[in-house]
C-alpha atoms as a PDB file:
ATOM      1  CA  UNK A   1      21.295 -16.547  -3.051  1.00  0.00           C
ATOM      2  CA  UNK A   2      20.320 -19.808  -1.442  1.00  0.00           C
ATOM      3  CA  UNK A   3      16.836 -19.935  -0.014  1.00  0.00           C
ATOM      4  CA  UNK A   4      16.929 -22.554   2.696  1.00  0.00           C
ATOM      5  CA  UNK A   5      19.445 -22.951   5.467  1.00  0.00           C
ATOM      6  CA  UNK A   6      21.616 -25.939   6.171  1.00  0.00           C
ATOM      7  CA  UNK A   7      21.222 -27.876   9.407  1.00  0.00           C
ATOM      8  CA  UNK A   8      23.828 -25.535  10.933  1.00  0.00           C
ATOM      9  CA  UNK A   9      22.062 -22.184  11.046  1.00  0.00           C
ATOM     10  CA  UNK A  10      24.237 -19.131  10.405  1.00  0.00           C
ATOM     11  CA  UNK A  11      22.720 -17.382  13.440  1.00  0.00           C
ATOM     12  CA  UNK A  12      21.526 -18.162  16.941  1.00  0.00           C
ATOM     13  CA  UNK A  13      18.039 -19.622  17.026  1.00  0.00           C
ATOM     14  CA  UNK A  14      17.499 -17.655  20.243  1.00  0.00           C
ATOM     15  CA  UNK A  15      17.261 -14.502  18.105  1.00  0.00           C
ATOM     16  CA  UNK A  16      13.896 -15.834  16.971  1.00  0.00           C
ATOM     17  CA  UNK A  17      12.400 -16.595  20.374  1.00  0.00           C
ATOM     18  CA  UNK A  18       8.859 -16.149  19.076  1.00  0.00           C
ATOM     19  CA  UNK A  19       8.935 -18.816  16.357  1.00  0.00           C
ATOM     20  CA  UNK A  20      10.637 -22.027  15.257  1.00  0.00           C
ATOM     21  CA  UNK A  21      13.859 -20.677  13.720  1.00  0.00           C
ATOM     22  CA  UNK A  22      14.550 -23.946  11.926  1.00  0.00           C
ATOM     23  CA  UNK A  23      11.506 -23.282   9.724  1.00  0.00           C
ATOM     24  CA  UNK A  24      12.689 -19.880   8.536  1.00  0.00           C
ATOM     25  CA  UNK A  25      13.255 -19.500   4.812  1.00  0.00           C
ATOM     26  CA  UNK A  26      15.908 -16.968   3.782  1.00  0.00           C
ATOM     27  CA  UNK A  27      13.833 -15.488   0.969  1.00  0.00           C
ATOM     28  CA  UNK A  28      10.298 -15.856   2.289  1.00  0.00           C
ATOM     29  CA  UNK A  29      11.160 -14.479   5.735  1.00  0.00           C
ATOM     30  CA  UNK A  30      13.933 -12.064   4.773  1.00  0.00           C
ATOM     31  CA  UNK A  31      12.275  -9.002   6.335  1.00  0.00           C
ATOM     32  CA  UNK A  32      11.883 -10.807   9.644  1.00  0.00           C
ATOM     33  CA  UNK A  33      15.415 -12.277   9.584  1.00  0.00           C
ATOM     34  CA  UNK A  34      17.161  -9.071   8.527  1.00  0.00           C
ATOM     35  CA  UNK A  35      15.372  -6.790  10.967  1.00  0.00           C
ATOM     36  CA  UNK A  36      15.848  -9.173  13.902  1.00  0.00           C
ATOM     37  CA  UNK A  37      19.553  -9.602  13.199  1.00  0.00           C
ATOM     38  CA  UNK A  38      20.100  -5.866  12.644  1.00  0.00           C
ATOM     39  CA  UNK A  39      18.473  -5.223  16.021  1.00  0.00           C
ATOM     40  CA  UNK A  40      19.819  -8.112  18.137  1.00  0.00           C
ATOM     41  CA  UNK A  41      22.550  -9.861  16.141  1.00  0.00           C
ATOM     42  CA  UNK A  42      26.190 -10.293  17.030  1.00  0.00           C
ATOM     43  CA  UNK A  43      28.936  -9.135  14.666  1.00  0.00           C
ATOM     44  CA  UNK A  44      29.176 -12.526  12.946  1.00  0.00           C
ATOM     45  CA  UNK A  45      25.398 -12.646  12.401  1.00  0.00           C
ATOM     46  CA  UNK A  46      25.324  -9.118  10.992  1.00  0.00           C
ATOM     47  CA  UNK A  47      28.228 -10.034   8.688  1.00  0.00           C
ATOM     48  CA  UNK A  48      26.214 -13.028   7.488  1.00  0.00           C
ATOM     49  CA  UNK A  49      23.231 -10.772   6.658  1.00  0.00           C
ATOM     50  CA  UNK A  50      25.560  -8.307   4.942  1.00  0.00           C
ATOM     51  CA  UNK A  51      27.091 -11.065   2.777  1.00  0.00           C
ATOM     52  CA  UNK A  52      23.934 -13.101   2.158  1.00  0.00           C
ATOM     53  CA  UNK A  53      21.484 -10.366   1.153  1.00  0.00           C
ATOM     54  CA  UNK A  54      21.780  -7.606  -1.422  1.00  0.00           C
ATOM     55  CA  UNK A  55      22.577  -4.196   0.130  1.00  0.00           C
ATOM     56  CA  UNK A  56      19.438  -2.666  -1.395  1.00  0.00           C
ATOM     57  CA  UNK A  57      17.343  -5.408   0.216  1.00  0.00           C
ATOM     58  CA  UNK A  58      18.891  -4.698   3.623  1.00  0.00           C
ATOM     59  CA  UNK A  59      18.272  -0.976   3.202  1.00  0.00           C
ATOM     60  CA  UNK A  60      14.680  -1.545   2.072  1.00  0.00           C
ATOM     61  CA  UNK A  61      13.973  -3.821   5.030  1.00  0.00           C
ATOM     62  CA  UNK A  62      15.555  -1.330   7.421  1.00  0.00           C
ATOM     63  CA  UNK A  63      13.504   1.552   6.050  1.00  0.00           C
ATOM     64  CA  UNK A  64      10.279  -0.420   6.538  1.00  0.00           C
ATOM     65  CA  UNK A  65      11.157  -1.864   9.968  1.00  0.00           C
ATOM     66  CA  UNK A  66       9.111  -0.451  12.814  1.00  0.00           C
ATOM     67  CA  UNK A  67      10.388  -2.507  15.715  1.00  0.00           C
ATOM     68  CA  UNK A  68      13.948  -1.230  16.149  1.00  0.00           C
ATOM     69  CA  UNK A  69      15.268   0.622  19.150  1.00  0.00           C
ATOM     70  CA  UNK A  70      16.492   4.200  18.906  1.00  0.00           C
ATOM     71  CA  UNK A  71      20.191   3.291  19.192  1.00  0.00           C
ATOM     72  CA  UNK A  72      19.868   0.643  16.450  1.00  0.00           C
ATOM     73  CA  UNK A  73      18.039   3.073  14.169  1.00  0.00           C
ATOM     74  CA  UNK A  74      20.731   5.712  14.693  1.00  0.00           C
ATOM     75  CA  UNK A  75      23.525   3.204  14.049  1.00  0.00           C
ATOM     76  CA  UNK A  76      21.995   1.735  10.876  1.00  0.00           C
ATOM     77  CA  UNK A  77      21.103   5.207   9.571  1.00  0.00           C
ATOM     78  CA  UNK A  78      24.842   5.964   9.642  1.00  0.00           C
ATOM     79  CA  UNK A  79      25.966   2.620   8.210  1.00  0.00           C
ATOM     80  CA  UNK A  80      23.361   2.622   5.421  1.00  0.00           C
ATOM     81  CA  UNK A  81      23.827   6.363   4.776  1.00  0.00           C
ATOM     82  CA  UNK A  82      20.163   7.249   5.240  1.00  0.00           C
ATOM     83  CA  UNK A  83      19.796  11.034   4.912  1.00  0.00           C
ATOM     84  CA  UNK A  84      16.234  11.410   6.131  1.00  0.00           C
ATOM     85  CA  UNK A  85      15.045   8.398   8.123  1.00  0.00           C
ATOM     86  CA  UNK A  86      11.336   7.632   8.437  1.00  0.00           C
ATOM     87  CA  UNK A  87       9.665   7.871  11.864  1.00  0.00           C
ATOM     88  CA  UNK A  88       9.958   4.773  14.033  1.00  0.00           C
ATOM     89  CA  UNK A  89       7.921   3.155  16.746  1.00  0.00           C
ATOM     90  CA  UNK A  90       8.106  -0.069  18.735  1.00  0.00           C
ATOM     91  CA  UNK A  91       5.652  -2.889  18.219  1.00  0.00           C
ATOM     92  CA  UNK A  92       3.718  -4.021  21.210  1.00  0.00           C
ATOM     93  CA  UNK A  93       2.302  -7.494  21.570  1.00  0.00           C
ATOM     94  CA  UNK A  94      -0.774  -7.908  19.419  1.00  0.00           C
ATOM     95  CA  UNK A  95      -4.001  -7.150  21.268  1.00  0.00           C
ATOM     96  CA  UNK A  96      -5.129 -10.757  20.965  1.00  0.00           C
ATOM     97  CA  UNK A  97      -1.863 -11.886  22.575  1.00  0.00           C
ATOM     98  CA  UNK A  98      -0.605 -13.645  19.458  1.00  0.00           C
ATOM     99  CA  UNK A  99       2.881 -13.579  18.056  1.00  0.00           C
ATOM    100  CA  UNK A 100       3.814 -10.737  15.691  1.00  0.00           C
ATOM    101  CA  UNK A 101       6.029 -12.833  13.426  1.00  0.00           C
ATOM    102  CA  UNK A 102       4.767 -14.335  10.205  1.00  0.00           C
ATOM    103  CA  UNK A 103       7.138 -17.282   9.921  1.00  0.00           C
ATOM    104  CA  UNK A 104       5.235 -19.746  12.060  1.00  0.00           C
ATOM    105  CA  UNK A 105       1.741 -19.161  10.808  1.00  0.00           C
ATOM    106  CA  UNK A 106       0.524 -18.206  14.259  1.00  0.00           C
ATOM    107  CA  UNK A 107       1.132 -14.474  13.991  1.00  0.00           C
END
């Protein structure tokens, strides 16, 4: 697995509206990238995640994600064959108003 992205990103930078997407590292920020693309990605972006990351990594990230909508959780439970999904909840903006991502160092 490559760690850094080429100048042509395999996904829309608009998916990462809360940070500088060009600074994302595929390994270091995999939880952030995978969960954001599973929630908001187009088919081609989801296919990229599916081909780039190990299936166990995707499943592990999904099981730990707490910011997915109900329809996305239901869909990925079926696709990933999760028998008993953990409870979910949506993140709200941090109380201090800062970003919730960890890729930019301002979260």
